[in-house]
């Protein structure tokens, strides 16, 4: 089981490494210079808080409701993220 975990975690880590600069680039392209501080701060707060809150929330969910709820909780959060992306993000002026 530990070998399977190691095999699947390595590609996941590569996606995270690639995703971080892409996320920041999208924010820099989307927001004008005078509005960039807020989205960058919110993103940084999420990156800082998630490693502390994630395992605690995951442990509580598995103890109280069972392990499938770790995946079920991501459905409304993912839908919320998609909706907010559609509302907030737009193409930069040079792409319109």
C-alpha atoms as a PDB file:
ATOM      1  CA  UNK A   1       0.000   0.000   0.000  1.00  0.00           C
ATOM      2  CA  UNK A   2       2.827   2.415   0.792  1.00  0.00           C
ATOM      3  CA  UNK A   3       4.385   1.812  -2.626  1.00  0.00           C
ATOM      4  CA  UNK A   4       1.114   2.675  -4.363  1.00  0.00           C
ATOM      5  CA  UNK A   5       0.855   5.853  -2.319  1.00  0.00           C
ATOM      6  CA  UNK A   6       4.396   6.858  -3.255  1.00  0.00           C
ATOM      7  CA  UNK A   7       3.745   6.131  -6.934  1.00  0.00           C
ATOM      8  CA  UNK A   8       0.601   8.276  -7.017  1.00  0.00           C
ATOM      9  CA  UNK A   9       1.966  11.120  -4.879  1.00  0.00           C
ATOM     10  CA  UNK A  10       4.929  11.794  -7.165  1.00  0.00           C
ATOM     11  CA  UNK A  11       2.823  12.801 -10.223  1.00  0.00           C
ATOM     12  CA  UNK A  12       0.489  14.773  -7.952  1.00  0.00           C
ATOM     13  CA  UNK A  13       3.467  16.740  -6.649  1.00  0.00           C
ATOM     14  CA  UNK A  14       4.570  17.539 -10.189  1.00  0.00           C
ATOM     15  CA  UNK A  15       1.145  18.983 -10.985  1.00  0.00           C
ATOM     16  CA  UNK A  16       1.241  21.146  -7.868  1.00  0.00           C
ATOM     17  CA  UNK A  17       4.714  22.409  -8.734  1.00  0.00           C
ATOM     18  CA  UNK A  18       3.519  23.359 -12.224  1.00  0.00           C
ATOM     19  CA  UNK A  19       0.185  24.738 -11.017  1.00  0.00           C
ATOM     20  CA  UNK A  20       1.499  27.310  -8.587  1.00  0.00           C
ATOM     21  CA  UNK A  21       3.252  29.600 -11.094  1.00  0.00           C
ATOM     22  CA  UNK A  22       0.396  29.148 -13.570  1.00  0.00           C
ATOM     23  CA  UNK A  23      -2.122  30.237 -10.940  1.00  0.00           C
ATOM     24  CA  UNK A  24      -0.087  33.306 -10.096  1.00  0.00           C
ATOM     25  CA  UNK A  25       0.378  34.129 -13.784  1.00  0.00           C
ATOM     26  CA  UNK A  26      -3.383  33.940 -14.354  1.00  0.00           C
ATOM     27  CA  UNK A  27      -3.976  36.296 -11.434  1.00  0.00           C
ATOM     28  CA  UNK A  28      -1.362  38.757 -12.715  1.00  0.00           C
ATOM     29  CA  UNK A  29      -2.903  38.694 -16.199  1.00  0.00           C
ATOM     30  CA  UNK A  30      -6.493  38.966 -14.979  1.00  0.00           C
ATOM     31  CA  UNK A  31      -6.291  41.803 -12.483  1.00  0.00           C
ATOM     32  CA  UNK A  32      -4.940  45.299 -13.123  1.00  0.00           C
ATOM     33  CA  UNK A  33      -1.866  46.352 -11.178  1.00  0.00           C
ATOM     34  CA  UNK A  34      -3.788  48.352  -8.589  1.00  0.00           C
ATOM     35  CA  UNK A  35      -6.109  45.380  -7.794  1.00  0.00           C
ATOM     36  CA  UNK A  36      -3.578  42.515  -7.661  1.00  0.00           C
ATOM     37  CA  UNK A  37      -2.879  42.598  -3.935  1.00  0.00           C
ATOM     38  CA  UNK A  38      -6.242  41.193  -2.847  1.00  0.00           C
ATOM     39  CA  UNK A  39      -6.333  38.057  -5.034  1.00  0.00           C
ATOM     40  CA  UNK A  40      -2.666  37.340  -4.360  1.00  0.00           C
ATOM     41  CA  UNK A  41      -3.248  37.697  -0.598  1.00  0.00           C
ATOM     42  CA  UNK A  42      -6.298  35.413  -0.699  1.00  0.00           C
ATOM     43  CA  UNK A  43      -4.356  32.812  -2.669  1.00  0.00           C
ATOM     44  CA  UNK A  44      -1.450  33.016  -0.221  1.00  0.00           C
ATOM     45  CA  UNK A  45      -3.820  32.632   2.734  1.00  0.00           C
ATOM     46  CA  UNK A  46      -5.257  29.489   1.173  1.00  0.00           C
ATOM     47  CA  UNK A  47      -1.812  28.047   0.540  1.00  0.00           C
ATOM     48  CA  UNK A  48      -0.767  28.806   4.121  1.00  0.00           C
ATOM     49  CA  UNK A  49      -3.934  27.593   5.858  1.00  0.00           C
ATOM     50  CA  UNK A  50      -4.753  24.490   3.787  1.00  0.00           C
ATOM     51  CA  UNK A  51      -1.896  22.290   5.067  1.00  0.00           C
ATOM     52  CA  UNK A  52      -3.005  22.957   8.653  1.00  0.00           C
ATOM     53  CA  UNK A  53      -6.770  22.704   8.188  1.00  0.00           C
ATOM     54  CA  UNK A  54      -6.867  19.921   5.569  1.00  0.00           C
ATOM     55  CA  UNK A  55      -5.595  17.013   7.669  1.00  0.00           C
ATOM     56  CA  UNK A  56      -7.671  18.066  10.683  1.00  0.00           C
ATOM     57  CA  UNK A  57     -10.841  18.370   8.607  1.00  0.00           C
ATOM     58  CA  UNK A  58     -10.063  15.110   6.795  1.00  0.00           C
ATOM     59  CA  UNK A  59      -9.518  13.261  10.072  1.00  0.00           C
ATOM     60  CA  UNK A  60     -12.731  14.627  11.544  1.00  0.00           C
ATOM     61  CA  UNK A  61     -14.734  13.729   8.435  1.00  0.00           C
ATOM     62  CA  UNK A  62     -13.418  10.171   8.336  1.00  0.00           C
ATOM     63  CA  UNK A  63     -14.029   9.658  12.064  1.00  0.00           C
ATOM     64  CA  UNK A  64     -17.545  11.082  12.063  1.00  0.00           C
ATOM     65  CA  UNK A  65     -18.902  10.206   8.608  1.00  0.00           C
ATOM     66  CA  UNK A  66     -16.530   7.748   6.885  1.00  0.00           C
ATOM     67  CA  UNK A  67     -13.803   8.084   4.285  1.00  0.00           C
ATOM     68  CA  UNK A  68     -16.081   8.710   1.230  1.00  0.00           C
ATOM     69  CA  UNK A  69     -16.953  12.122   2.679  1.00  0.00           C
ATOM     70  CA  UNK A  70     -13.418  13.304   1.961  1.00  0.00           C
ATOM     71  CA  UNK A  71     -14.407  13.143  -1.699  1.00  0.00           C
ATOM     72  CA  UNK A  72     -18.031  14.273  -1.284  1.00  0.00           C
ATOM     73  CA  UNK A  73     -16.985  17.539   0.375  1.00  0.00           C
ATOM     74  CA  UNK A  74     -14.990  18.443  -2.731  1.00  0.00           C
ATOM     75  CA  UNK A  75     -18.104  18.463  -4.953  1.00  0.00           C
ATOM     76  CA  UNK A  76     -19.700  21.671  -3.608  1.00  0.00           C
ATOM     77  CA  UNK A  77     -16.285  23.297  -3.200  1.00  0.00           C
ATOM     78  CA  UNK A  78     -15.361  22.448  -6.796  1.00  0.00           C
ATOM     79  CA  UNK A  79     -18.691  23.707  -8.130  1.00  0.00           C
ATOM     80  CA  UNK A  80     -18.243  26.929  -6.135  1.00  0.00           C
ATOM     81  CA  UNK A  81     -14.726  27.331  -7.551  1.00  0.00           C
ATOM     82  CA  UNK A  82     -15.919  26.852 -11.125  1.00  0.00           C
ATOM     83  CA  UNK A  83     -18.759  29.350 -10.687  1.00  0.00           C
ATOM     84  CA  UNK A  84     -16.432  31.936  -9.119  1.00  0.00           C
ATOM     85  CA  UNK A  85     -13.911  31.427 -11.924  1.00  0.00           C
ATOM     86  CA  UNK A  86     -16.594  32.085 -14.514  1.00  0.00           C
ATOM     87  CA  UNK A  87     -17.757  35.216 -12.670  1.00  0.00           C
ATOM     88  CA  UNK A  88     -14.377  36.720 -11.731  1.00  0.00           C
ATOM     89  CA  UNK A  89     -11.879  35.679 -14.390  1.00  0.00           C
ATOM     90  CA  UNK A  90     -11.806  37.194 -17.858  1.00  0.00           C
ATOM     91  CA  UNK A  91      -9.350  37.343 -20.732  1.00  0.00           C
ATOM     92  CA  UNK A  92      -6.741  40.084 -20.577  1.00  0.00           C
ATOM     93  CA  UNK A  93      -7.292  43.003 -22.971  1.00  0.00           C
ATOM     94  CA  UNK A  94      -4.709  41.801 -25.529  1.00  0.00           C
ATOM     95  CA  UNK A  95      -6.640  38.517 -25.983  1.00  0.00           C
ATOM     96  CA  UNK A  96     -10.088  40.040 -26.502  1.00  0.00           C
END
